[in-house]
Amino acid sequence: MGEDLDWRWLDWPALPADLLYDALMLRQRVFVVEQTCVYLDADGRDPQAHHLLGLRDGRVAAYLRAFAPDPAGVATIGRVVTAPEVRGTGSAGR
């Protein structure tokens, strides 16, 4: 089994630059490079999101962003990603 990740929920103002950079790098590494999805990942919506970061050795190894419910009551989750090196280890699922 893998080691547990250190999970943190952070809003935009509380998100340190180094963790934001790690999260963006992970998103690009997986979505753009690995999955060859050519789209603008940094879409301008991150400042409105709540960010869940799974840290391993102080680096972002898992990530998602979530948005509060809209006027119709619908909350959304997106940009769900895990680093290849933690997939299948059980680390992200604990």
N, C-alpha and C. Protein backbone atom coordinates (compact mmCIF):
# COMPACT_ATOMS: atom_id res chain seq x y z
N MET A 1 0.83 -1.18 0.00
CA MET A 1 0.00 0.00 0.00
C MET A 1 0.87 1.24 0.00
N GLY A 2 0.36 2.29 -0.56
CA GLY A 2 1.09 3.54 -0.62
C GLY A 2 0.96 4.34 0.66
N GLU A 3 1.81 5.31 0.78
CA GLU A 3 1.71 6.18 1.95
C GLU A 3 0.56 7.16 1.76
N ASP A 4 -0.03 7.54 2.87
CA ASP A 4 -1.15 8.48 2.82
C ASP A 4 -0.69 9.84 2.31
N LEU A 5 -1.58 10.52 1.62
CA LEU A 5 -1.30 11.89 1.20
C LEU A 5 -1.80 12.84 2.28
N ASP A 6 -1.19 13.98 2.36
CA ASP A 6 -1.61 15.05 3.27
C ASP A 6 -2.61 15.90 2.50
N TRP A 7 -3.89 15.82 2.86
CA TRP A 7 -4.96 16.50 2.13
C TRP A 7 -5.21 17.88 2.70
N ARG A 8 -5.33 18.86 1.80
CA ARG A 8 -5.63 20.24 2.21
C ARG A 8 -6.65 20.86 1.28
N TRP A 9 -7.70 21.46 1.88
CA TRP A 9 -8.66 22.28 1.14
C TRP A 9 -8.20 23.72 1.26
N LEU A 10 -8.01 24.41 0.14
CA LEU A 10 -7.58 25.80 0.17
C LEU A 10 -8.39 26.63 -0.81
N ASP A 11 -8.78 27.82 -0.37
CA ASP A 11 -9.37 28.78 -1.29
C ASP A 11 -8.24 29.55 -1.96
N TRP A 12 -8.56 30.24 -3.03
CA TRP A 12 -7.57 30.96 -3.82
C TRP A 12 -6.65 31.85 -2.99
N PRO A 13 -7.19 32.71 -2.10
CA PRO A 13 -6.30 33.61 -1.35
C PRO A 13 -5.31 32.87 -0.44
N ALA A 14 -5.66 31.66 -0.02
CA ALA A 14 -4.81 30.89 0.89
C ALA A 14 -3.87 29.93 0.15
N LEU A 15 -3.97 29.87 -1.17
CA LEU A 15 -3.19 28.92 -1.96
C LEU A 15 -1.79 29.48 -2.21
N PRO A 16 -0.76 28.90 -1.57
CA PRO A 16 0.60 29.41 -1.77
C PRO A 16 1.06 29.24 -3.22
N ALA A 17 1.86 30.16 -3.67
CA ALA A 17 2.33 30.15 -5.06
C ALA A 17 3.03 28.84 -5.42
N ASP A 18 3.82 28.27 -4.52
CA ASP A 18 4.54 27.04 -4.86
C ASP A 18 3.58 25.87 -5.05
N LEU A 19 2.51 25.80 -4.25
CA LEU A 19 1.54 24.72 -4.42
C LEU A 19 0.67 24.95 -5.66
N LEU A 20 0.32 26.19 -5.94
CA LEU A 20 -0.40 26.50 -7.17
C LEU A 20 0.43 26.08 -8.38
N TYR A 21 1.70 26.41 -8.36
CA TYR A 21 2.59 26.05 -9.47
C TYR A 21 2.65 24.53 -9.63
N ASP A 22 2.80 23.80 -8.51
CA ASP A 22 2.81 22.33 -8.56
C ASP A 22 1.51 21.79 -9.16
N ALA A 23 0.37 22.35 -8.72
CA ALA A 23 -0.92 21.88 -9.22
C ALA A 23 -1.06 22.13 -10.71
N LEU A 24 -0.66 23.32 -11.16
CA LEU A 24 -0.74 23.62 -12.59
C LEU A 24 0.20 22.74 -13.40
N MET A 25 1.39 22.47 -12.87
CA MET A 25 2.32 21.58 -13.56
C MET A 25 1.74 20.17 -13.67
N LEU A 26 1.14 19.68 -12.58
CA LEU A 26 0.53 18.35 -12.61
C LEU A 26 -0.62 18.31 -13.61
N ARG A 27 -1.46 19.31 -13.60
CA ARG A 27 -2.57 19.35 -14.56
C ARG A 27 -2.05 19.34 -15.99
N GLN A 28 -1.03 20.12 -16.28
CA GLN A 28 -0.48 20.15 -17.64
C GLN A 28 0.18 18.82 -18.00
N ARG A 29 0.92 18.27 -17.04
CA ARG A 29 1.62 17.01 -17.28
C ARG A 29 0.64 15.89 -17.65
N VAL A 30 -0.48 15.83 -16.94
CA VAL A 30 -1.45 14.76 -17.19
C VAL A 30 -2.41 15.11 -18.32
N PHE A 31 -3.07 16.25 -18.25
CA PHE A 31 -4.11 16.56 -19.23
C PHE A 31 -3.54 16.90 -20.60
N VAL A 32 -2.52 17.72 -20.66
CA VAL A 32 -2.00 18.19 -21.94
C VAL A 32 -1.00 17.21 -22.54
N VAL A 33 -0.01 16.78 -21.74
CA VAL A 33 1.04 15.92 -22.27
C VAL A 33 0.59 14.47 -22.34
N GLU A 34 0.21 13.88 -21.19
CA GLU A 34 -0.14 12.46 -21.15
C GLU A 34 -1.41 12.14 -21.94
N GLN A 35 -2.45 12.96 -21.76
CA GLN A 35 -3.73 12.68 -22.41
C GLN A 35 -3.89 13.41 -23.74
N THR A 36 -2.90 14.17 -24.12
CA THR A 36 -2.89 14.97 -25.37
C THR A 36 -4.19 15.74 -25.59
N CYS A 37 -4.69 16.35 -24.53
CA CYS A 37 -5.87 17.21 -24.62
C CYS A 37 -5.40 18.65 -24.79
N VAL A 38 -5.52 19.15 -25.98
CA VAL A 38 -5.03 20.50 -26.25
C VAL A 38 -6.17 21.49 -26.00
N TYR A 39 -6.12 22.07 -24.81
CA TYR A 39 -7.09 23.10 -24.42
C TYR A 39 -6.41 23.98 -23.38
N LEU A 40 -6.97 25.11 -23.13
CA LEU A 40 -6.40 26.04 -22.16
C LEU A 40 -6.76 25.56 -20.76
N ASP A 41 -5.83 24.90 -20.10
CA ASP A 41 -6.08 24.38 -18.76
C ASP A 41 -6.27 25.53 -17.76
N ALA A 42 -5.40 26.52 -17.81
CA ALA A 42 -5.54 27.70 -16.95
C ALA A 42 -6.61 28.58 -17.60
N ASP A 43 -7.86 28.31 -17.22
CA ASP A 43 -9.01 28.91 -17.91
C ASP A 43 -9.60 30.13 -17.23
N GLY A 44 -8.91 30.65 -16.20
CA GLY A 44 -9.41 31.83 -15.52
C GLY A 44 -10.41 31.55 -14.42
N ARG A 45 -10.76 30.29 -14.20
CA ARG A 45 -11.77 29.96 -13.18
C ARG A 45 -11.16 29.55 -11.84
N ASP A 46 -9.85 29.35 -11.79
CA ASP A 46 -9.22 28.92 -10.54
C ASP A 46 -9.46 29.88 -9.38
N PRO A 47 -9.46 31.20 -9.58
CA PRO A 47 -9.69 32.09 -8.44
C PRO A 47 -11.07 31.91 -7.78
N GLN A 48 -12.05 31.38 -8.49
CA GLN A 48 -13.38 31.18 -7.92
C GLN A 48 -13.55 29.79 -7.30
N ALA A 49 -12.55 28.94 -7.43
CA ALA A 49 -12.67 27.55 -7.00
C ALA A 49 -12.13 27.32 -5.59
N HIS A 50 -12.55 26.21 -5.02
CA HIS A 50 -11.96 25.65 -3.81
C HIS A 50 -11.02 24.55 -4.33
N HIS A 51 -9.84 24.45 -3.77
CA HIS A 51 -8.82 23.53 -4.28
C HIS A 51 -8.50 22.47 -3.24
N LEU A 52 -8.61 21.21 -3.65
CA LEU A 52 -8.22 20.09 -2.79
C LEU A 52 -6.90 19.56 -3.31
N LEU A 53 -5.88 19.62 -2.47
CA LEU A 53 -4.55 19.17 -2.86
C LEU A 53 -4.14 18.00 -1.99
N GLY A 54 -3.64 16.95 -2.63
CA GLY A 54 -3.06 15.82 -1.93
C GLY A 54 -1.55 15.94 -2.03
N LEU A 55 -0.90 16.18 -0.91
CA LEU A 55 0.54 16.42 -0.91
C LEU A 55 1.30 15.17 -0.51
N ARG A 56 2.38 14.95 -1.21
CA ARG A 56 3.31 13.86 -0.91
C ARG A 56 4.69 14.47 -0.89
N ASP A 57 5.35 14.39 0.24
CA ASP A 57 6.67 15.01 0.40
C ASP A 57 6.63 16.49 0.05
N GLY A 58 5.52 17.15 0.41
CA GLY A 58 5.39 18.58 0.19
C GLY A 58 5.06 19.00 -1.23
N ARG A 59 4.87 18.04 -2.12
CA ARG A 59 4.55 18.33 -3.53
C ARG A 59 3.15 17.84 -3.85
N VAL A 60 2.49 18.48 -4.81
CA VAL A 60 1.12 18.11 -5.19
C VAL A 60 1.16 16.81 -6.00
N ALA A 61 0.51 15.77 -5.46
CA ALA A 61 0.45 14.47 -6.13
C ALA A 61 -0.98 14.14 -6.56
N ALA A 62 -1.95 14.88 -6.03
CA ALA A 62 -3.36 14.71 -6.42
C ALA A 62 -4.03 16.06 -6.25
N TYR A 63 -5.07 16.30 -7.07
CA TYR A 63 -5.67 17.63 -7.08
C TYR A 63 -7.07 17.55 -7.66
N LEU A 64 -7.93 18.43 -7.15
CA LEU A 64 -9.20 18.72 -7.82
C LEU A 64 -9.62 20.13 -7.44
N ARG A 65 -10.48 20.69 -8.27
CA ARG A 65 -11.07 21.98 -7.92
C ARG A 65 -12.57 21.81 -7.91
N ALA A 66 -13.20 22.54 -6.99
CA ALA A 66 -14.64 22.45 -6.81
C ALA A 66 -15.22 23.85 -6.75
N PHE A 67 -16.45 23.96 -7.24
CA PHE A 67 -17.15 25.25 -7.25
C PHE A 67 -18.42 25.15 -6.42
N ALA A 68 -18.68 26.19 -5.65
CA ALA A 68 -19.90 26.26 -4.84
C ALA A 68 -21.12 26.17 -5.75
N PRO A 69 -22.25 25.80 -5.18
CA PRO A 69 -23.47 25.70 -6.00
C PRO A 69 -23.80 27.02 -6.71
N ASP A 70 -24.28 26.88 -7.94
CA ASP A 70 -24.73 28.03 -8.71
C ASP A 70 -26.15 28.39 -8.28
N PRO A 71 -26.74 29.41 -8.87
CA PRO A 71 -28.11 29.80 -8.46
C PRO A 71 -29.14 28.67 -8.57
N ALA A 72 -28.88 27.68 -9.44
CA ALA A 72 -29.79 26.55 -9.56
C ALA A 72 -29.49 25.45 -8.54
N GLY A 73 -28.46 25.67 -7.71
CA GLY A 73 -28.11 24.69 -6.68
C GLY A 73 -27.16 23.60 -7.14
N VAL A 74 -26.51 23.78 -8.28
CA VAL A 74 -25.62 22.76 -8.82
C VAL A 74 -24.16 23.11 -8.52
N ALA A 75 -23.51 22.26 -7.74
CA ALA A 75 -22.08 22.39 -7.48
C ALA A 75 -21.33 21.57 -8.53
N THR A 76 -20.11 21.98 -8.85
CA THR A 76 -19.33 21.24 -9.84
C THR A 76 -17.94 20.92 -9.32
N ILE A 77 -17.43 19.80 -9.78
CA ILE A 77 -16.07 19.36 -9.48
C ILE A 77 -15.37 19.13 -10.82
N GLY A 78 -14.13 19.54 -10.90
CA GLY A 78 -13.40 19.35 -12.14
C GLY A 78 -11.90 19.32 -11.91
N ARG A 79 -11.18 19.10 -12.98
CA ARG A 79 -9.72 19.05 -12.96
C ARG A 79 -9.24 18.02 -11.93
N VAL A 80 -9.88 16.87 -11.90
CA VAL A 80 -9.50 15.80 -10.98
C VAL A 80 -8.31 15.07 -11.59
N VAL A 81 -7.20 15.02 -10.84
CA VAL A 81 -5.98 14.45 -11.40
C VAL A 81 -5.11 13.85 -10.31
N THR A 82 -4.46 12.75 -10.63
CA THR A 82 -3.44 12.17 -9.76
C THR A 82 -2.17 11.98 -10.56
N ALA A 83 -1.05 12.15 -9.91
CA ALA A 83 0.25 11.95 -10.56
C ALA A 83 0.42 10.48 -10.90
N PRO A 84 1.03 10.17 -12.04
CA PRO A 84 1.21 8.76 -12.41
C PRO A 84 1.88 7.92 -11.33
N GLU A 85 2.81 8.52 -10.59
CA GLU A 85 3.55 7.75 -9.59
C GLU A 85 2.73 7.38 -8.36
N VAL A 86 1.55 7.97 -8.16
CA VAL A 86 0.71 7.57 -7.02
C VAL A 86 -0.51 6.78 -7.45
N ARG A 87 -0.75 6.66 -8.74
CA ARG A 87 -1.90 5.89 -9.21
C ARG A 87 -1.73 4.41 -8.85
N GLY A 88 -2.80 3.81 -8.38
CA GLY A 88 -2.78 2.39 -8.07
C GLY A 88 -2.09 2.03 -6.76
N THR A 89 -1.64 3.02 -6.00
CA THR A 89 -0.94 2.74 -4.75
C THR A 89 -1.87 2.76 -3.56
N GLY A 90 -3.08 3.29 -3.72
CA GLY A 90 -3.99 3.44 -2.60
C GLY A 90 -3.80 4.75 -1.86
N SER A 91 -2.79 5.50 -2.22
CA SER A 91 -2.49 6.75 -1.53
C SER A 91 -3.60 7.79 -1.69
N ALA A 92 -4.16 7.92 -2.87
CA ALA A 92 -5.13 8.96 -3.14
C ALA A 92 -6.53 8.58 -2.67
N GLY A 93 -6.75 7.32 -2.34
CA GLY A 93 -8.08 6.88 -1.97
C GLY A 93 -8.34 6.75 -0.49
N ARG A 94 -7.40 7.14 0.33
CA ARG A 94 -7.57 6.96 1.77
C ARG A 94 -8.12 8.19 2.41
